[in-house]
Protein backbone atom coordinates (compact mmCIF):
# COMPACT_ATOMS: atom_id res chain seq x y z
CA MET A 1 33.82 27.63 89.60
CA LYS A 2 37.29 27.05 88.61
CA ARG A 3 36.25 30.38 85.61
CA LEU A 4 34.67 32.18 87.77
CA LEU A 5 37.62 32.29 90.41
CA LEU A 6 39.69 32.91 87.93
CA SER A 7 38.03 35.46 86.21
CA PHE A 8 37.71 37.17 89.81
CA THR A 9 41.67 36.73 90.50
CA LEU A 10 41.87 38.37 87.67
CA LEU A 11 39.98 41.14 88.42
CA LEU A 12 41.46 41.81 91.56
CA SER A 13 45.16 41.43 90.34
CA ALA A 14 44.65 44.47 87.09
CA ALA A 15 42.86 46.76 89.91
CA ALA A 16 46.01 46.03 91.88
CA LEU A 17 48.18 47.21 88.89
CA HIS A 18 46.59 50.82 89.26
CA ALA A 19 46.55 50.98 93.14
CA GLU A 20 48.73 53.76 94.39
CA ASN A 21 49.55 55.76 97.37
CA TRP A 22 48.69 59.10 97.73
CA SER A 23 51.80 60.01 100.32
CA ASN A 24 51.43 63.58 99.87
CA TRP A 25 49.53 66.45 99.20
CA ARG A 26 49.88 66.87 95.31
CA GLY A 27 49.82 62.27 94.84
CA PRO A 28 52.43 60.52 93.65
CA ALA A 29 53.84 62.23 91.35
CA HIS A 30 53.84 65.62 92.99
CA ASN A 31 51.87 67.11 89.78
CA GLY A 32 48.38 66.11 91.63
CA SER A 33 47.39 63.29 89.31
CA SER A 34 47.37 59.54 89.66
CA SER A 35 46.85 56.07 87.47
CA GLU A 36 43.92 54.89 89.73
CA LYS A 37 41.59 53.30 87.12
CA ASN A 38 37.91 52.77 87.88
CA LEU A 39 36.89 55.55 90.13
CA PRO A 40 33.31 57.09 89.89
CA ALA A 41 32.01 60.30 88.24
CA SER A 42 28.99 60.16 89.91
CA PHE A 43 28.41 59.86 93.79
CA THR A 44 26.28 62.11 96.50
CA LYS A 45 26.99 62.10 99.91
CA THR A 46 25.11 59.47 100.94
CA GLU A 47 25.29 57.37 97.15
CA GLY A 48 28.04 55.90 96.10
CA VAL A 49 30.00 56.64 99.46
CA LYS A 50 32.29 53.52 101.08
CA TRP A 51 32.43 54.99 104.58
CA ALA A 52 32.08 58.54 105.70
CA VAL A 53 33.42 59.42 109.58
CA GLU A 54 32.86 62.41 111.43
CA LEU A 55 35.76 64.72 111.78
CA PRO A 56 36.81 65.90 115.29
CA GLY A 57 37.67 69.67 113.77
CA ALA A 58 38.17 71.40 110.51
CA SER A 59 41.39 71.23 108.35
CA ALA A 60 42.31 72.84 105.31
CA ALA A 61 44.78 69.55 104.88
CA THR A 62 44.93 66.97 101.93
CA PRO A 63 44.61 63.70 104.08
CA VAL A 64 47.19 60.97 103.02
CA ILE A 65 46.85 57.05 102.15
CA TRP A 66 49.67 54.65 102.04
CA GLY A 67 48.07 51.21 101.97
CA ASP A 68 45.20 51.24 104.57
CA ARG A 69 45.59 53.23 106.28
CA VAL A 70 44.75 56.56 105.78
CA PHE A 71 46.51 60.32 107.74
CA ALA A 72 44.41 63.83 108.47
CA THR A 73 45.06 66.17 110.81
CA ALA A 74 41.96 68.46 112.58
CA ALA A 75 41.29 71.38 114.76
CA ASP A 76 39.25 70.03 117.38
CA ALA A 77 37.60 72.85 118.96
CA LYS A 78 36.35 70.61 121.82
CA ASN A 79 39.37 69.97 123.62
CA GLY A 80 41.74 73.32 121.23
CA GLN A 81 44.17 70.50 120.14
CA GLN A 82 45.66 70.00 116.59
CA ALA A 83 45.46 66.84 116.14
CA ALA A 84 47.32 63.84 114.45
CA LEU A 85 45.21 60.82 112.65
CA CYS A 86 45.00 57.72 111.35
CA LEU A 87 42.28 56.04 110.12
CA ASP A 88 41.44 52.75 108.67
CA ARG A 89 41.23 52.67 105.09
CA ARG A 90 39.05 50.10 104.59
CA THR A 91 36.38 51.28 107.12
CA GLY A 92 37.00 54.68 108.25
CA LYS A 93 37.51 53.45 111.29
CA GLN A 94 40.01 55.10 113.86
CA LEU A 95 43.20 53.86 114.65
CA TRP A 96 44.71 56.04 116.62
CA ARG A 97 45.19 60.29 117.21
CA ALA A 98 48.14 61.98 118.94
CA ASP A 99 47.30 65.40 120.38
CA ILE A 100 49.96 67.49 119.28
CA SER A 101 49.59 71.14 121.20
CA GLU A 102 47.06 74.39 120.85
CA PHE A 103 46.20 75.32 117.67
CA THR A 104 45.98 78.59 116.26
CA THR A 105 43.36 80.65 113.90
CA ASP A 106 43.70 83.67 111.83
CA GLY A 107 39.34 84.77 112.03
CA GLN A 108 39.86 84.24 108.35
CA TYR A 109 38.22 80.37 108.54
CA SER A 110 42.15 79.11 108.34
CA ASN A 111 43.81 77.58 111.38
CA SER A 112 46.99 75.74 111.95
CA CYS A 113 46.37 72.03 111.27
CA SER A 114 46.40 73.71 107.21
CA PRO A 115 49.82 71.55 105.96
CA SER A 116 49.00 67.89 104.82
CA PRO A 117 51.17 65.30 106.38
CA VAL A 118 53.89 62.88 104.63
CA THR A 119 54.37 59.40 104.51
CA ASP A 120 56.70 56.97 103.07
CA GLY A 121 54.85 53.85 104.27
CA LYS A 122 57.53 53.77 107.70
CA VAL A 123 57.60 57.27 108.51
CA VAL A 124 54.66 60.01 108.62
CA VAL A 125 55.71 63.30 109.23
CA PHE A 126 52.72 66.43 110.32
CA PHE A 127 53.38 69.53 110.63
CA PHE A 128 51.46 72.27 111.82
CA GLY A 129 51.42 76.49 111.23
CA THR A 130 52.25 76.69 115.22
CA GLY A 131 55.78 75.45 113.87
CA ASP A 132 54.99 71.92 115.43
CA LEU A 133 57.06 69.35 113.43
CA VAL A 134 55.98 65.68 114.87
CA ALA A 135 57.18 62.33 113.55
CA PHE A 136 55.90 59.05 114.43
CA ASP A 137 55.72 55.68 112.96
CA VAL A 138 53.19 54.06 110.76
CA ALA A 139 51.54 52.47 114.01
CA GLY A 140 51.73 55.45 116.04
CA LYS A 141 54.86 55.48 117.97
CA LYS A 142 55.80 58.93 118.37
CA LEU A 143 59.77 58.82 116.98
CA TRP A 144 60.56 62.85 117.28
CA ALA A 145 59.45 66.96 117.98
CA ARG A 146 60.04 69.74 117.12
CA ASN A 147 59.13 73.44 117.17
CA LEU A 148 60.40 75.23 113.30
CA GLY A 149 59.04 79.11 115.07
CA PRO A 150 58.56 81.56 115.77
CA PHE A 151 57.32 83.19 112.50
CA ALA A 152 56.61 86.37 110.72
CA PHE A 153 53.58 85.39 108.52
CA GLN A 154 50.49 88.29 108.93
CA TRP A 155 48.48 85.09 108.27
CA THR A 156 48.40 81.49 109.63
CA PHE A 157 51.99 79.26 108.14
CA SER A 158 51.03 76.55 106.01
CA THR A 159 53.43 74.69 103.88
CA SER A 160 53.16 71.08 103.46
CA PRO A 161 56.49 68.99 104.22
CA LEU A 162 57.88 66.52 101.51
CA LEU A 163 59.63 63.43 101.77
CA HIS A 164 62.14 63.20 99.37
CA ASP A 165 64.82 60.77 98.56
CA GLY A 166 65.63 60.39 102.01
CA ARG A 167 65.59 63.51 103.31
CA LEU A 168 62.47 65.42 104.74
CA ILE A 169 62.22 69.16 103.15
CA MET A 170 61.00 72.02 104.83
CA GLN A 171 60.34 75.63 103.78
CA VAL A 172 59.96 79.17 105.57
CA LEU A 173 59.62 82.16 103.53
CA GLN A 174 58.71 84.39 105.30
CA ARG A 175 58.83 88.52 106.39
CA ASP A 176 61.73 89.63 107.51
CA VAL A 177 60.60 91.75 110.50
CA ALA A 178 58.10 90.21 113.18
CA VAL A 179 54.36 90.97 112.10
CA ARG A 180 51.07 91.31 114.70
CA GLY A 181 52.99 90.05 117.09
CA ARG A 182 54.69 87.35 115.25
CA GLY A 183 57.98 86.29 114.60
CA LYS A 184 61.39 87.75 116.27
CA PRO A 185 61.46 91.62 116.25
CA THR A 186 64.43 91.68 113.20
CA GLY A 187 66.20 88.70 111.60
CA ASN A 188 63.69 86.48 110.78
CA GLU A 189 65.33 84.54 108.01
CA SER A 190 63.55 82.55 104.41
CA PHE A 191 64.87 78.92 104.68
CA LEU A 192 64.87 75.58 103.64
CA LEU A 193 66.05 72.78 105.73
CA ALA A 194 66.76 69.06 104.97
CA ILE A 195 66.46 67.15 108.68
CA ASP A 196 67.12 63.39 108.50
CA PRO A 197 63.30 61.70 108.81
CA ALA A 198 64.36 58.24 111.37
CA THR A 199 66.07 60.98 114.21
CA GLY A 200 64.74 64.88 113.99
CA LYS A 201 68.07 65.93 113.15
CA ASP A 202 69.02 68.49 110.79
CA LEU A 203 71.08 67.77 107.55
CA TRP A 204 71.53 71.11 106.13
CA ARG A 205 69.84 74.75 106.51
CA HIS A 206 70.59 77.51 103.46
CA VAL A 207 69.35 80.10 103.47
CA ARG A 208 67.03 81.38 100.46
CA PRO A 209 67.47 85.35 99.86
CA SER A 210 64.96 87.78 98.92
CA ASP A 211 64.22 91.08 97.09
CA ALA A 212 60.27 91.30 98.17
CA VAL A 213 58.75 93.51 101.12
CA ALA A 214 56.29 93.35 103.21
CA GLU A 215 54.08 90.26 103.15
CA SER A 216 55.27 89.44 99.89
CA ARG A 217 57.79 87.25 101.10
CA GLU A 218 55.36 85.43 102.51
CA ALA A 219 54.81 81.99 100.86
CA PHE A 220 51.69 78.98 101.63
CA SER A 221 53.77 76.60 98.93
CA THR A 222 55.68 73.99 99.14
CA PRO A 223 58.90 72.40 97.53
CA LEU A 224 58.32 70.61 93.69
CA PRO A 225 61.18 67.71 93.48
CA PHE A 226 62.40 67.88 89.74
CA GLU A 227 65.17 66.13 87.65
CA HIS A 228 66.06 67.02 84.39
CA ASN A 229 68.90 66.05 82.29
CA GLY A 230 70.74 63.77 85.37
CA ARG A 231 70.21 67.07 87.70
CA LYS A 232 67.87 66.68 90.11
CA GLU A 233 66.68 69.68 91.91
CA LEU A 234 64.41 70.99 95.09
CA VAL A 235 61.72 73.75 93.01
CA VAL A 236 60.93 76.52 95.55
CA VAL A 237 58.67 79.05 94.63
CA GLY A 238 57.84 83.15 96.39
CA GLY A 239 59.67 85.92 97.89
CA ASP A 240 58.45 87.36 94.24
CA ALA A 241 60.99 85.01 92.52
CA ILE A 242 61.05 80.63 91.60
CA SER A 243 64.24 78.99 92.16
CA GLY A 244 65.99 75.39 91.79
CA HIS A 245 67.77 74.41 94.58
CA ASP A 246 70.33 71.18 95.02
CA PRO A 247 68.36 68.87 96.78
CA ALA A 248 72.27 67.97 98.65
CA ASN A 249 72.90 71.19 99.98
CA GLY A 250 69.80 73.25 99.46
CA ARG A 251 72.31 74.89 96.78
CA GLU A 252 70.81 77.48 94.65
CA LEU A 253 71.00 76.54 91.07
CA TRP A 254 69.25 78.80 89.17
CA ARG A 255 66.29 81.71 90.02
CA TRP A 256 64.00 83.36 87.90
CA GLY A 257 62.24 86.62 88.91
CA THR A 258 59.74 88.97 88.94
CA TRP A 259 56.07 88.50 88.48
CA ASN A 260 56.16 91.86 90.88
CA PRO A 261 58.70 94.60 89.14
CA THR A 262 57.66 97.48 91.44
CA ARG A 263 57.60 95.31 94.78
CA ILE A 264 53.95 95.75 95.93
CA GLY A 265 53.88 94.91 99.57
CA HIS A 266 50.90 92.89 99.76
CA TRP A 267 51.32 89.86 96.91
CA ARG A 268 51.72 86.96 99.10
CA LEU A 269 52.46 83.53 97.52
CA VAL A 270 50.12 80.25 97.56
CA PRO A 271 50.23 77.86 94.65
CA SER A 272 53.55 75.55 93.93
CA PRO A 273 55.14 75.11 90.96
CA ALA A 274 54.40 72.89 88.29
CA THR A 275 56.85 71.14 85.60
CA ASP A 276 56.05 68.84 82.80
CA GLY A 277 59.61 67.57 82.62
CA ASN A 278 60.66 70.98 80.37
CA VAL A 279 59.10 73.82 81.55
CA ILE A 280 57.80 74.89 85.46
CA LEU A 281 55.01 77.28 85.97
CA ALA A 282 55.04 79.78 88.76
CA CYS A 283 51.23 81.72 89.22
CA GLY A 284 51.98 85.42 90.18
CA PRO A 285 49.18 86.04 93.59
CA LYS A 286 46.01 88.82 92.89
CA ASN A 287 45.14 88.11 89.38
CA ALA A 288 49.34 88.16 88.33
CA PRO A 289 50.05 85.95 84.79
CA VAL A 290 51.29 82.23 85.11
CA TYR A 291 54.82 81.66 83.85
CA ALA A 292 56.72 79.30 82.23
CA VAL A 293 59.99 78.42 83.07
CA LYS A 294 62.25 76.50 81.01
CA ALA A 295 64.02 73.64 82.40
CA GLY A 296 68.20 73.16 82.92
CA GLY A 297 68.63 77.04 83.47
CA SER A 298 71.67 78.05 85.59
CA GLY A 299 72.48 81.40 87.81
CA GLY A 300 70.18 84.36 87.49
CA LEU A 301 67.60 83.95 84.40
CA THR A 302 65.93 86.55 82.33
CA HIS A 303 62.57 86.30 80.89
CA LYS A 304 64.67 85.06 77.90
CA ALA A 305 64.72 81.97 80.50
CA LEU A 306 60.70 82.11 79.78
CA ALA A 307 58.52 79.94 77.10
CA TRP A 308 55.79 81.72 77.64
CA GLN A 309 53.16 83.94 79.65
CA SER A 310 50.37 83.88 79.89
CA HIS A 311 49.10 87.84 80.48
CA VAL A 312 50.47 91.45 80.65
CA GLN A 313 51.16 92.96 83.52
CA PRO A 314 50.16 96.60 83.06
CA THR A 315 54.03 97.05 85.65
CA GLU A 316 55.62 95.52 82.80
CA ASP A 317 57.95 96.56 80.05
CA THR A 318 56.34 94.87 77.10
CA ALA A 319 59.41 94.38 75.12
CA GLU A 320 60.72 91.86 77.79
CA ALA A 321 57.74 89.91 77.65
CA ALA A 322 57.75 85.88 77.11
CA PRO A 323 55.64 84.83 74.36
CA THR A 324 52.53 86.03 75.73
CA LYS A 325 48.96 84.53 75.28
CA ASN A 326 47.05 87.32 76.37
CA GLU A 327 44.94 85.19 78.31
CA ARG A 328 44.23 87.65 81.60
CA ASP A 329 42.09 85.56 83.28
CA LEU A 330 44.25 82.54 82.80
CA THR A 331 45.91 83.32 86.75
CA ALA A 332 45.95 81.15 89.92
CA ASP A 333 45.68 83.17 92.88
CA VAL A 334 45.57 80.10 95.23
CA PRO A 335 45.08 76.60 93.40
CA THR A 336 48.10 74.90 92.14
CA PRO A 337 47.96 73.39 88.80
CA LEU A 338 47.38 70.06 87.67
CA LEU A 339 49.39 67.88 84.87
CA TYR A 340 47.71 65.14 83.79
CA GLU A 341 48.03 63.01 80.65
CA GLY A 342 50.62 65.87 79.08
CA LYS A 343 48.38 69.24 79.55
CA PHE A 344 48.37 71.29 82.31
CA TYR A 345 45.20 72.55 84.29
CA ILE A 346 44.50 76.11 85.73
CA LEU A 347 42.07 76.58 88.13
CA ASN A 348 40.62 80.53 88.93
CA GLY A 349 39.52 79.53 91.96
CA THR A 350 37.99 83.55 91.94
CA LYS A 351 36.23 83.83 88.86
CA LYS A 352 35.41 79.64 88.99
CA LYS A 353 37.13 78.88 85.39
CA LEU A 354 39.37 76.00 84.65
CA TYR A 355 41.63 75.85 81.43
CA CYS A 356 42.97 73.34 79.66
CA ILE A 357 46.89 73.99 78.66
CA ASN A 358 49.78 73.01 76.45
CA PRO A 359 52.35 73.36 78.19
CA ALA A 360 55.12 73.91 75.74
CA ASP A 361 53.53 77.02 74.26
CA GLY A 362 50.68 78.16 76.90
CA ALA A 363 48.10 77.37 74.22
CA VAL A 364 44.57 76.77 75.39
CA VAL A 365 42.48 73.34 74.34
CA TRP A 366 39.90 74.88 76.58
CA SER A 367 38.86 76.83 78.71
CA GLY A 368 35.40 76.09 81.17
CA ASP A 369 32.47 77.72 83.65
CA LEU A 370 32.58 75.45 86.72
CA GLY A 371 29.75 77.51 88.39
CA GLY A 372 28.06 77.45 91.93
CA ARG A 373 27.88 79.44 94.79
CA SER A 374 31.76 79.77 95.79
CA VAL A 375 34.96 80.35 94.83
CA PHE A 376 37.74 77.60 94.74
CA GLN A 377 40.57 77.60 96.88
CA ALA A 378 41.46 73.73 96.83
CA SER A 379 43.92 72.43 93.91
CA PRO A 380 42.05 69.79 91.48
CA THR A 381 43.72 66.11 90.98
CA ALA A 382 43.05 63.54 88.14
CA ALA A 383 43.40 59.94 86.77
CA ASP A 384 40.71 58.15 85.47
CA GLY A 385 40.56 60.30 82.93
CA LYS A 386 38.45 62.51 85.20
CA ILE A 387 38.83 65.65 87.20
CA TYR A 388 37.66 66.79 90.88
CA VAL A 389 38.09 69.68 92.67
CA MET A 390 36.15 70.92 95.99
CA ASN A 391 34.38 74.34 96.17
CA PHE A 392 34.29 76.71 99.40
CA ASP A 393 31.09 75.17 99.82
CA ALA A 394 31.82 72.07 99.80
CA GLU A 395 30.56 71.20 96.37
CA VAL A 396 32.74 68.32 94.34
CA PHE A 397 32.55 69.36 90.73
CA VAL A 398 33.93 65.88 88.01
CA ILE A 399 35.09 67.61 84.81
CA GLN A 400 36.46 65.01 82.11
CA ALA A 401 39.96 65.53 80.86
CA GLY A 402 41.54 66.06 77.56
CA GLY A 403 38.82 65.88 74.68
CA ALA A 404 39.02 69.25 72.57
CA GLU A 405 36.54 70.85 74.64
CA PHE A 406 35.27 71.15 78.37
CA LYS A 407 32.60 69.16 79.95
CA LEU A 408 31.63 69.28 83.48
CA LEU A 409 30.58 65.13 84.36
CA HIS A 410 28.94 65.83 87.72
CA GLN A 411 28.21 68.08 90.52
CA ALA A 412 27.34 67.38 93.84
CA SER A 413 27.73 68.32 97.21
CA PHE A 414 28.59 67.61 100.56
CA LYS A 415 27.92 70.39 102.41
CA ASP A 416 26.51 69.71 106.09
CA ALA A 417 23.99 71.82 107.79
CA GLY A 418 26.15 73.94 110.25
CA ASP A 419 29.30 73.60 108.24
CA ASP A 420 30.10 76.53 107.85
CA THR A 421 34.54 75.88 106.86
CA ARG A 422 35.49 77.27 103.79
CA HIS A 423 36.99 74.54 102.35
CA ARG A 424 40.52 74.58 100.75
CA SER A 425 40.99 70.52 101.25
CA SER A 426 42.09 69.39 97.22
CA ILE A 427 40.40 65.56 96.59
CA ALA A 428 43.31 62.83 97.80
CA ILE A 429 43.00 59.77 95.03
CA SER A 430 43.97 56.01 96.22
CA GLN A 431 43.28 52.16 96.31
CA GLY A 432 40.34 52.75 94.04
CA ASN A 433 38.66 55.51 96.19
CA LEU A 434 38.37 59.40 96.01
CA PHE A 435 39.23 60.68 99.91
CA VAL A 436 36.68 64.05 100.75
CA ARG A 437 37.80 65.91 102.88
CA THR A 438 34.63 68.43 104.25
CA GLY A 439 34.94 70.24 107.63
CA THR A 440 33.12 67.81 109.83
CA LYS A 441 33.84 64.36 107.97
CA LEU A 442 35.33 62.22 105.77
CA PHE A 443 33.89 60.38 102.82
CA CYS A 444 35.19 58.05 101.22
CA LEU A 445 34.20 56.90 97.81
CA GLY A 446 34.19 54.27 95.50
CA LYS A 447 34.00 51.16 95.46
């Protein structure tokens, strides 16, 4: 019996060593990966399910997890409210709920509950496309609330808040004039904002200029915290450019652009930046290339600052192009790239094709067709040697990470009858479990 108890204790200790929180939409390292182990490789919506709970409404947000609490958002169609939710990670039981305000939708299967929450285990912050920014303690006590709008976006605005180094960072990259009655008639600024998470008061505000026009000024990305050779940065992508900023004051340190030299006016930007520590990826929209910017730059950067790009746009001067891989399908209009165990994984959601890439030179290790019935707009996540991603139809795919070739391990549908949501939520990984968000339910998978 003593040996049995010792073995059980060691097993629990080993599991605890790998348990990680998923505090923001891209996980503990802000790159879509986790060090979690012993995760499931196969499951259905009835098998391998620890619990499944009904949600009051749809959302494209990724749930975030800290310890035994799960935080999520929902657009409650019954009362028209956008809700902030806290669930018990062990059982799925709702611990608390706060209705914030009326949600909005653009009629394209998106709603204002799309931004993912963020937490540091003490404060949890919810942001909504209506501009509502609300902070609670993890027990559900409201600490403060404010509204950052109005916003000049053609579509329902979404960016996920970032908590880093004691600052709450918000990014608003928008049009300079109103569109569809949204925003001020003129003078809408694109900006970065740092807020004290304890009080909701501004720490600094930095206006980020842009040469983009019309919809190309709009970005739905989230800033990336980054450090290179001792220099801390916030990396921001959108408005036809990628830039690095000083977290202490928002000052711009460097900028590269553009993937849009002819200033096409309908190239809104969705994917957030990704990095391996040496290069930073910017994914141009609408079949534009993926660009790898060398870390450590200062000031205005030219094409010489690019380590590589996936292909050449017809509008580009090929003499100015960086080393090019000539992979025309290596593009990401919506999904943010994943970094896992030294490789980038880039998902072409429209063609349902996943690429494994060497960060240093952009060489393709392998690529594979995921298939399925619909496109992907959720971003891939990974742990325990496996990549997880879900398509519009709530089909979850499990792919083997690494290796010399593409290998699809498993595929399962999580869609319920009557669920007409276009599923965009990324799969969160925490405390030995997978968290799969559909239009009607939240599933906790694993032991």
